[in-house]
mmCIF file of all heavy atoms, coordinates in Angstrom:
data_MODEL
# 
_entry.id   MODEL 
# 
loop_
_atom_site.group_PDB 
_atom_site.id 
_atom_site.type_symbol 
_atom_site.label_atom_id 
_atom_site.label_alt_id 
_atom_site.label_comp_id 
_atom_site.label_asym_id 
_atom_site.label_entity_id 
_atom_site.label_seq_id 
_atom_site.pdbx_PDB_ins_code 
_atom_site.Cartn_x 
_atom_site.Cartn_y 
_atom_site.Cartn_z 
_atom_site.occupancy 
_atom_site.B_iso_or_equiv 
_atom_site.pdbx_formal_charge 
_atom_site.auth_seq_id 
_atom_site.auth_comp_id 
_atom_site.auth_asym_id 
_atom_site.auth_atom_id 
_atom_site.pdbx_PDB_model_num 
ATOM 1   N N   . ARG A 1 1  ? 106.900 113.276 74.819  1.00 0.00 ? 1  ARG A N   1 
ATOM 2   C CA  . ARG A 1 1  ? 107.531 112.280 75.626  1.00 0.00 ? 1  ARG A CA  1 
ATOM 3   C C   . ARG A 1 1  ? 108.163 112.933 76.895  1.00 0.00 ? 1  ARG A C   1 
ATOM 4   O O   . ARG A 1 1  ? 107.995 112.399 77.976  1.00 0.00 ? 1  ARG A O   1 
ATOM 5   C CB  . ARG A 1 1  ? 108.549 111.542 74.839  1.00 0.00 ? 1  ARG A CB  1 
ATOM 6   C CG  . ARG A 1 1  ? 109.177 110.333 75.559  1.00 0.00 ? 1  ARG A CG  1 
ATOM 7   C CD  . ARG A 1 1  ? 109.970 109.454 74.607  1.00 0.00 ? 1  ARG A CD  1 
ATOM 8   N NE  . ARG A 1 1  ? 111.117 110.144 74.039  1.00 0.00 ? 1  ARG A NE  1 
ATOM 9   C CZ  . ARG A 1 1  ? 111.097 110.514 72.799  1.00 0.00 ? 1  ARG A CZ  1 
ATOM 10  N NH1 . ARG A 1 1  ? 110.096 110.262 71.921  1.00 0.00 ? 1  ARG A NH1 1 
ATOM 11  N NH2 . ARG A 1 1  ? 112.142 111.190 72.275  1.00 0.00 ? 1  ARG A NH2 1 
ATOM 12  N N   . MET A 1 2  ? 108.799 114.076 76.686  1.00 0.00 ? 2  MET A N   1 
ATOM 13  C CA  . MET A 1 2  ? 109.452 114.749 77.852  1.00 0.00 ? 2  MET A CA  1 
ATOM 14  C C   . MET A 1 2  ? 108.373 115.221 78.847  1.00 0.00 ? 2  MET A C   1 
ATOM 15  O O   . MET A 1 2  ? 108.553 115.056 80.087  1.00 0.00 ? 2  MET A O   1 
ATOM 16  C CB  . MET A 1 2  ? 110.247 115.967 77.314  1.00 0.00 ? 2  MET A CB  1 
ATOM 17  C CG  . MET A 1 2  ? 111.457 115.583 76.575  1.00 0.00 ? 2  MET A CG  1 
ATOM 18  S SD  . MET A 1 2  ? 112.280 117.018 75.826  1.00 0.00 ? 2  MET A SD  1 
ATOM 19  C CE  . MET A 1 2  ? 112.774 117.929 77.272  1.00 0.00 ? 2  MET A CE  1 
ATOM 20  N N   . LEU A 1 3  ? 107.220 115.770 78.356  1.00 0.00 ? 3  LEU A N   1 
ATOM 21  C CA  . LEU A 1 3  ? 106.154 116.248 79.200  1.00 0.00 ? 3  LEU A CA  1 
ATOM 22  C C   . LEU A 1 3  ? 105.558 115.057 80.106  1.00 0.00 ? 3  LEU A C   1 
ATOM 23  O O   . LEU A 1 3  ? 105.303 115.161 81.194  1.00 0.00 ? 3  LEU A O   1 
ATOM 24  C CB  . LEU A 1 3  ? 105.074 116.933 78.390  1.00 0.00 ? 3  LEU A CB  1 
ATOM 25  C CG  . LEU A 1 3  ? 103.889 117.519 79.154  1.00 0.00 ? 3  LEU A CG  1 
ATOM 26  C CD1 . LEU A 1 3  ? 104.336 118.514 80.220  1.00 0.00 ? 3  LEU A CD1 1 
ATOM 27  C CD2 . LEU A 1 3  ? 102.854 118.080 78.249  1.00 0.00 ? 3  LEU A CD2 1 
ATOM 28  N N   . ALA A 1 4  ? 105.308 113.986 79.288  1.00 0.00 ? 4  ALA A N   1 
ATOM 29  C CA  . ALA A 1 4  ? 104.753 112.735 79.981  1.00 0.00 ? 4  ALA A CA  1 
ATOM 30  C C   . ALA A 1 4  ? 105.733 112.272 81.059  1.00 0.00 ? 4  ALA A C   1 
ATOM 31  O O   . ALA A 1 4  ? 105.262 111.860 82.156  1.00 0.00 ? 4  ALA A O   1 
ATOM 32  C CB  . ALA A 1 4  ? 104.477 111.624 78.934  1.00 0.00 ? 4  ALA A CB  1 
ATOM 33  N N   . GLU A 1 5  ? 107.027 112.270 80.787  1.00 0.00 ? 5  GLU A N   1 
ATOM 34  C CA  . GLU A 1 5  ? 108.004 111.857 81.752  1.00 0.00 ? 5  GLU A CA  1 
ATOM 35  C C   . GLU A 1 5  ? 108.006 112.741 82.967  1.00 0.00 ? 5  GLU A C   1 
ATOM 36  O O   . GLU A 1 5  ? 108.070 112.307 84.121  1.00 0.00 ? 5  GLU A O   1 
ATOM 37  C CB  . GLU A 1 5  ? 109.383 111.780 81.138  1.00 0.00 ? 5  GLU A CB  1 
ATOM 38  C CG  . GLU A 1 5  ? 109.552 110.693 80.131  1.00 0.00 ? 5  GLU A CG  1 
ATOM 39  C CD  . GLU A 1 5  ? 110.943 110.781 79.387  1.00 0.00 ? 5  GLU A CD  1 
ATOM 40  O OE1 . GLU A 1 5  ? 111.619 111.753 79.729  1.00 0.00 ? 5  GLU A OE1 1 
ATOM 41  O OE2 . GLU A 1 5  ? 111.206 109.866 78.603  1.00 0.00 ? 5  GLU A OE2 1 
ATOM 42  N N   . GLU A 1 6  ? 107.914 114.058 82.733  1.00 0.00 ? 6  GLU A N   1 
ATOM 43  C CA  . GLU A 1 6  ? 107.919 114.994 83.861  1.00 0.00 ? 6  GLU A CA  1 
ATOM 44  C C   . GLU A 1 6  ? 106.568 114.812 84.691  1.00 0.00 ? 6  GLU A C   1 
ATOM 45  O O   . GLU A 1 6  ? 106.695 114.920 85.965  1.00 0.00 ? 6  GLU A O   1 
ATOM 46  C CB  . GLU A 1 6  ? 108.026 116.461 83.376  1.00 0.00 ? 6  GLU A CB  1 
ATOM 47  C CG  . GLU A 1 6  ? 109.397 116.776 82.770  1.00 0.00 ? 6  GLU A CG  1 
ATOM 48  C CD  . GLU A 1 6  ? 110.478 116.588 83.775  1.00 0.00 ? 6  GLU A CD  1 
ATOM 49  O OE1 . GLU A 1 6  ? 110.276 116.852 84.988  1.00 0.00 ? 6  GLU A OE1 1 
ATOM 50  O OE2 . GLU A 1 6  ? 111.551 116.178 83.362  1.00 0.00 ? 6  GLU A OE2 1 
ATOM 51  N N   . ASN A 1 7  ? 105.447 114.645 84.073  1.00 0.00 ? 7  ASN A N   1 
ATOM 52  C CA  . ASN A 1 7  ? 104.225 114.449 84.868  1.00 0.00 ? 7  ASN A CA  1 
ATOM 53  C C   . ASN A 1 7  ? 104.293 113.113 85.640  1.00 0.00 ? 7  ASN A C   1 
ATOM 54  O O   . ASN A 1 7  ? 103.837 113.105 86.833  1.00 0.00 ? 7  ASN A O   1 
ATOM 55  C CB  . ASN A 1 7  ? 103.014 114.338 83.822  1.00 0.00 ? 7  ASN A CB  1 
ATOM 56  C CG  . ASN A 1 7  ? 102.643 115.632 83.252  1.00 0.00 ? 7  ASN A CG  1 
ATOM 57  O OD1 . ASN A 1 7  ? 103.021 116.705 83.844  1.00 0.00 ? 7  ASN A OD1 1 
ATOM 58  N ND2 . ASN A 1 7  ? 102.002 115.695 82.061  1.00 0.00 ? 7  ASN A ND2 1 
ATOM 59  N N   . ALA A 1 8  ? 104.901 112.117 85.102  1.00 0.00 ? 8  ALA A N   1 
ATOM 60  C CA  . ALA A 1 8  ? 105.035 110.867 85.798  1.00 0.00 ? 8  ALA A CA  1 
ATOM 61  C C   . ALA A 1 8  ? 105.942 111.014 86.984  1.00 0.00 ? 8  ALA A C   1 
ATOM 62  O O   . ALA A 1 8  ? 105.680 110.537 88.108  1.00 0.00 ? 8  ALA A O   1 
ATOM 63  C CB  . ALA A 1 8  ? 105.552 109.788 84.867  1.00 0.00 ? 8  ALA A CB  1 
ATOM 64  N N   . MET A 1 9  ? 107.026 111.807 86.768  1.00 0.00 ? 9  MET A N   1 
ATOM 65  C CA  . MET A 1 9  ? 107.952 112.061 87.865  1.00 0.00 ? 9  MET A CA  1 
ATOM 66  C C   . MET A 1 9  ? 107.254 112.848 88.992  1.00 0.00 ? 9  MET A C   1 
ATOM 67  O O   . MET A 1 9  ? 107.469 112.610 90.202  1.00 0.00 ? 9  MET A O   1 
ATOM 68  C CB  . MET A 1 9  ? 109.137 112.857 87.350  1.00 0.00 ? 9  MET A CB  1 
ATOM 69  C CG  . MET A 1 9  ? 110.260 113.106 88.372  1.00 0.00 ? 9  MET A CG  1 
ATOM 70  S SD  . MET A 1 9  ? 110.997 111.529 88.968  1.00 0.00 ? 9  MET A SD  1 
ATOM 71  C CE  . MET A 1 9  ? 111.896 111.098 87.445  1.00 0.00 ? 9  MET A CE  1 
ATOM 72  N N   . ALA A 1 10 ? 106.405 113.830 88.631  1.00 0.00 ? 10 ALA A N   1 
ATOM 73  C CA  . ALA A 1 10 ? 105.698 114.581 89.631  1.00 0.00 ? 10 ALA A CA  1 
ATOM 74  C C   . ALA A 1 10 ? 104.756 113.682 90.469  1.00 0.00 ? 10 ALA A C   1 
ATOM 75  O O   . ALA A 1 10 ? 104.636 113.804 91.655  1.00 0.00 ? 10 ALA A O   1 
ATOM 76  C CB  . ALA A 1 10 ? 104.886 115.680 89.009  1.00 0.00 ? 10 ALA A CB  1 
ATOM 77  N N   . GLN A 1 11 ? 104.043 112.775 89.748  1.00 0.00 ? 11 GLN A N   1 
ATOM 78  C CA  . GLN A 1 11 ? 103.159 111.839 90.441  1.00 0.00 ? 11 GLN A CA  1 
ATOM 79  C C   . GLN A 1 11 ? 103.911 110.943 91.376  1.00 0.00 ? 11 GLN A C   1 
ATOM 80  O O   . GLN A 1 11 ? 103.524 110.677 92.545  1.00 0.00 ? 11 GLN A O   1 
ATOM 81  C CB  . GLN A 1 11 ? 102.413 111.014 89.444  1.00 0.00 ? 11 GLN A CB  1 
ATOM 82  C CG  . GLN A 1 11 ? 101.407 111.771 88.604  1.00 0.00 ? 11 GLN A CG  1 
ATOM 83  C CD  . GLN A 1 11 ? 100.713 110.871 87.561  1.00 0.00 ? 11 GLN A CD  1 
ATOM 84  O OE1 . GLN A 1 11 ? 100.947 109.721 87.499  1.00 0.00 ? 11 GLN A OE1 1 
ATOM 85  N NE2 . GLN A 1 11 ? 99.829  111.540 86.790  1.00 0.00 ? 11 GLN A NE2 1 
ATOM 86  N N   . LEU A 1 12 ? 105.046 110.499 90.895  1.00 0.00 ? 12 LEU A N   1 
ATOM 87  C CA  . LEU A 1 12 ? 105.934 109.608 91.817  1.00 0.00 ? 12 LEU A CA  1 
ATOM 88  C C   . LEU A 1 12 ? 106.401 110.335 92.989  1.00 0.00 ? 12 LEU A C   1 
ATOM 89  O O   . LEU A 1 12 ? 106.396 109.813 94.119  1.00 0.00 ? 12 LEU A O   1 
ATOM 90  C CB  . LEU A 1 12 ? 107.093 109.071 90.950  1.00 0.00 ? 12 LEU A CB  1 
ATOM 91  C CG  . LEU A 1 12 ? 106.777 108.073 89.917  1.00 0.00 ? 12 LEU A CG  1 
ATOM 92  C CD1 . LEU A 1 12 ? 108.014 107.734 89.085  1.00 0.00 ? 12 LEU A CD1 1 
ATOM 93  C CD2 . LEU A 1 12 ? 106.221 106.770 90.498  1.00 0.00 ? 12 LEU A CD2 1 
ATOM 94  N N   . ASN A 1 13 ? 106.808 111.596 92.772  1.00 0.00 ? 13 ASN A N   1 
ATOM 95  C CA  . ASN A 1 13 ? 107.282 112.396 93.969  1.00 0.00 ? 13 ASN A CA  1 
ATOM 96  C C   . ASN A 1 13 ? 106.162 112.579 94.966  1.00 0.00 ? 13 ASN A C   1 
ATOM 97  O O   . ASN A 1 13 ? 106.381 112.648 96.181  1.00 0.00 ? 13 ASN A O   1 
ATOM 98  C CB  . ASN A 1 13 ? 107.808 113.780 93.484  1.00 0.00 ? 13 ASN A CB  1 
ATOM 99  C CG  . ASN A 1 13 ? 109.154 113.597 92.723  1.00 0.00 ? 13 ASN A CG  1 
ATOM 100 O OD1 . ASN A 1 13 ? 109.806 112.603 92.932  1.00 0.00 ? 13 ASN A OD1 1 
ATOM 101 N ND2 . ASN A 1 13 ? 109.464 114.557 91.842  1.00 0.00 ? 13 ASN A ND2 1 
ATOM 102 N N   . SER A 1 14 ? 104.906 112.855 94.458  1.00 0.00 ? 14 SER A N   1 
ATOM 103 C CA  . SER A 1 14 ? 103.798 113.104 95.309  1.00 0.00 ? 14 SER A CA  1 
ATOM 104 C C   . SER A 1 14 ? 103.376 111.855 96.100  1.00 0.00 ? 14 SER A C   1 
ATOM 105 O O   . SER A 1 14 ? 103.154 111.950 97.344  1.00 0.00 ? 14 SER A O   1 
ATOM 106 C CB  . SER A 1 14 ? 102.530 113.577 94.491  1.00 0.00 ? 14 SER A CB  1 
ATOM 107 O OG  . SER A 1 14 ? 101.422 113.700 95.277  1.00 0.00 ? 14 SER A OG  1 
ATOM 108 N N   . SER A 1 15 ? 103.440 110.732 95.562  1.00 0.00 ? 15 SER A N   1 
ATOM 109 C CA  . SER A 1 15 ? 103.035 109.458 96.163  1.00 0.00 ? 15 SER A CA  1 
ATOM 110 C C   . SER A 1 15 ? 104.082 109.021 97.184  1.00 0.00 ? 15 SER A C   1 
ATOM 111 O O   . SER A 1 15 ? 103.736 108.172 98.083  1.00 0.00 ? 15 SER A O   1 
ATOM 112 C CB  . SER A 1 15 ? 102.726 108.389 95.171  1.00 0.00 ? 15 SER A CB  1 
ATOM 113 O OG  . SER A 1 15 ? 103.926 108.110 94.432  1.00 0.00 ? 15 SER A OG  1 
ATOM 114 N N   . SER A 1 16 ? 105.280 109.474 97.076  1.00 0.00 ? 16 SER A N   1 
ATOM 115 C CA  . SER A 1 16 ? 106.336 109.001 97.983  1.00 0.00 ? 16 SER A CA  1 
ATOM 116 C C   . SER A 1 16 ? 106.531 109.856 99.272  1.00 0.00 ? 16 SER A C   1 
ATOM 117 O O   . SER A 1 16 ? 107.427 109.648 100.041 1.00 0.00 ? 16 SER A O   1 
ATOM 118 C CB  . SER A 1 16 ? 107.707 109.006 97.191  1.00 0.00 ? 16 SER A CB  1 
ATOM 119 O OG  . SER A 1 16 ? 107.995 110.404 96.862  1.00 0.00 ? 16 SER A OG  1 
ATOM 120 N N   . ALA A 1 17 ? 105.507 110.788 99.541  1.00 0.00 ? 17 ALA A N   1 
ATOM 121 C CA  . ALA A 1 17 ? 105.592 111.599 100.705 1.00 0.00 ? 17 ALA A CA  1 
ATOM 122 C C   . ALA A 1 17 ? 105.369 110.705 101.971 1.00 0.00 ? 17 ALA A C   1 
ATOM 123 O O   . ALA A 1 17 ? 104.668 109.738 101.991 1.00 0.00 ? 17 ALA A O   1 
ATOM 124 C CB  . ALA A 1 17 ? 104.488 112.664 100.656 1.00 0.00 ? 17 ALA A CB  1 
ATOM 125 N N   . ASP A 1 18 ? 105.966 111.069 103.125 1.00 0.00 ? 18 ASP A N   1 
ATOM 126 C CA  . ASP A 1 18 ? 105.930 110.336 104.356 1.00 0.00 ? 18 ASP A CA  1 
ATOM 127 C C   . ASP A 1 18 ? 104.545 110.403 104.995 1.00 0.00 ? 18 ASP A C   1 
ATOM 128 O O   . ASP A 1 18 ? 104.061 111.486 105.279 1.00 0.00 ? 18 ASP A O   1 
ATOM 129 C CB  . ASP A 1 18 ? 106.921 110.863 105.414 1.00 0.00 ? 18 ASP A CB  1 
ATOM 130 C CG  . ASP A 1 18 ? 107.142 109.991 106.619 1.00 0.00 ? 18 ASP A CG  1 
ATOM 131 O OD1 . ASP A 1 18 ? 106.288 109.102 106.792 1.00 0.00 ? 18 ASP A OD1 1 
ATOM 132 O OD2 . ASP A 1 18 ? 108.095 110.193 107.281 1.00 0.00 ? 18 ASP A OD2 1 
ATOM 133 N N   . PRO A 1 19 ? 103.801 109.238 105.237 1.00 0.00 ? 19 PRO A N   1 
ATOM 134 C CA  . PRO A 1 19 ? 102.441 109.237 105.846 1.00 0.00 ? 19 PRO A CA  1 
ATOM 135 C C   . PRO A 1 19 ? 102.430 109.984 107.212 1.00 0.00 ? 19 PRO A C   1 
ATOM 136 O O   . PRO A 1 19 ? 101.417 110.594 107.602 1.00 0.00 ? 19 PRO A O   1 
ATOM 137 C CB  . PRO A 1 19 ? 102.034 107.852 105.945 1.00 0.00 ? 19 PRO A CB  1 
ATOM 138 C CG  . PRO A 1 19 ? 102.962 107.169 104.917 1.00 0.00 ? 19 PRO A CG  1 
ATOM 139 C CD  . PRO A 1 19 ? 104.226 107.919 104.944 1.00 0.00 ? 19 PRO A CD  1 
ATOM 140 N N   . ALA A 1 20 ? 103.507 109.825 107.970 1.00 0.00 ? 20 ALA A N   1 
ATOM 141 C CA  . ALA A 1 20 ? 103.492 110.403 109.311 1.00 0.00 ? 20 ALA A CA  1 
ATOM 142 C C   . ALA A 1 20 ? 103.391 111.943 109.248 1.00 0.00 ? 20 ALA A C   1 
ATOM 143 O O   . ALA A 1 20 ? 102.798 112.570 110.094 1.00 0.00 ? 20 ALA A O   1 
ATOM 144 C CB  . ALA A 1 20 ? 104.781 110.011 110.057 1.00 0.00 ? 20 ALA A CB  1 
ATOM 145 N N   . ASP A 1 21 ? 104.055 112.467 108.232 1.00 0.00 ? 21 ASP A N   1 
ATOM 146 C CA  . ASP A 1 21 ? 103.993 113.939 108.133 1.00 0.00 ? 21 ASP A CA  1 
ATOM 147 C C   . ASP A 1 21 ? 102.614 114.404 107.842 1.00 0.00 ? 21 ASP A C   1 
ATOM 148 O O   . ASP A 1 21 ? 102.125 115.443 108.359 1.00 0.00 ? 21 ASP A O   1 
ATOM 149 C CB  . ASP A 1 21 ? 104.920 114.383 106.946 1.00 0.00 ? 21 ASP A CB  1 
ATOM 150 C CG  . ASP A 1 21 ? 106.403 114.134 107.290 1.00 0.00 ? 21 ASP A CG  1 
ATOM 151 O OD1 . ASP A 1 21 ? 106.718 114.050 108.463 1.00 0.00 ? 21 ASP A OD1 1 
ATOM 152 O OD2 . ASP A 1 21 ? 107.187 114.057 106.333 1.00 0.00 ? 21 ASP A OD2 1 
ATOM 153 N N   . ALA A 1 22 ? 101.816 113.680 107.020 1.00 0.00 ? 22 ALA A N   1 
ATOM 154 C CA  . ALA A 1 22 ? 100.429 113.980 106.748 1.00 0.00 ? 22 ALA A CA  1 
ATOM 155 C C   . ALA A 1 22 ? 99.608  113.917 107.974 1.00 0.00 ? 22 ALA A C   1 
ATOM 156 O O   . ALA A 1 22 ? 98.766  114.826 108.240 1.00 0.00 ? 22 ALA A O   1 
ATOM 157 C CB  . ALA A 1 22 ? 99.890  113.062 105.625 1.00 0.00 ? 22 ALA A CB  1 
ATOM 158 N N   . LEU A 1 23 ? 99.782  112.886 108.769 1.00 0.00 ? 23 LEU A N   1 
ATOM 159 C CA  . LEU A 1 23 ? 98.988  112.768 110.039 1.00 0.00 ? 23 LEU A CA  1 
ATOM 160 C C   . LEU A 1 23 ? 99.335  113.857 111.030 1.00 0.00 ? 23 LEU A C   1 
ATOM 161 O O   . LEU A 1 23 ? 98.458  114.410 111.738 1.00 0.00 ? 23 LEU A O   1 
ATOM 162 C CB  . LEU A 1 23 ? 99.249  111.408 110.661 1.00 0.00 ? 23 LEU A CB  1 
ATOM 163 C CG  . LEU A 1 23 ? 98.640  110.215 109.883 1.00 0.00 ? 23 LEU A CG  1 
ATOM 164 C CD1 . LEU A 1 23 ? 99.018  108.894 110.546 1.00 0.00 ? 23 LEU A CD1 1 
ATOM 165 C CD2 . LEU A 1 23 ? 97.095  110.272 109.932 1.00 0.00 ? 23 LEU A CD2 1 
ATOM 166 N N   . ALA A 1 24 ? 100.614 114.150 111.112 1.00 0.00 ? 24 ALA A N   1 
ATOM 167 C CA  . ALA A 1 24 ? 101.033 115.231 112.046 1.00 0.00 ? 24 ALA A CA  1 
ATOM 168 C C   . ALA A 1 24 ? 100.362 116.560 111.669 1.00 0.00 ? 24 ALA A C   1 
ATOM 169 O O   . ALA A 1 24 ? 100.010 117.360 112.509 1.00 0.00 ? 24 ALA A O   1 
ATOM 170 C CB  . ALA A 1 24 ? 102.554 115.404 112.042 1.00 0.00 ? 24 ALA A CB  1 
ATOM 171 N N   . GLU A 1 25 ? 100.316 116.792 110.435 1.00 0.00 ? 25 GLU A N   1 
ATOM 172 C CA  . GLU A 1 25 ? 99.704  118.025 109.910 1.00 0.00 ? 25 GLU A CA  1 
ATOM 173 C C   . GLU A 1 25 ? 98.220  118.029 110.307 1.00 0.00 ? 25 GLU A C   1 
ATOM 174 O O   . GLU A 1 25 ? 97.646  119.049 110.714 1.00 0.00 ? 25 GLU A O   1 
ATOM 175 C CB  . GLU A 1 25 ? 99.848  118.131 108.437 1.00 0.00 ? 25 GLU A CB  1 
ATOM 176 C CG  . GLU A 1 25 ? 99.285  119.443 107.840 1.00 0.00 ? 25 GLU A CG  1 
ATOM 177 C CD  . GLU A 1 25 ? 99.503  119.489 106.366 1.00 0.00 ? 25 GLU A CD  1 
ATOM 178 O OE1 . GLU A 1 25 ? 100.219 118.694 105.788 1.00 0.00 ? 25 GLU A OE1 1 
ATOM 179 O OE2 . GLU A 1 25 ? 98.965  120.509 105.793 1.00 0.00 ? 25 GLU A OE2 1 
# 
C-alpha cells in the first residue's frame, strides 16, 4: 500500500508540471 501510494504521488507530481516550461525547453 505504501509503494502504491508513493507511485501515485510520483505520477501526480509529474502531471502537475507547468506546460509553459515544457514549451520553453
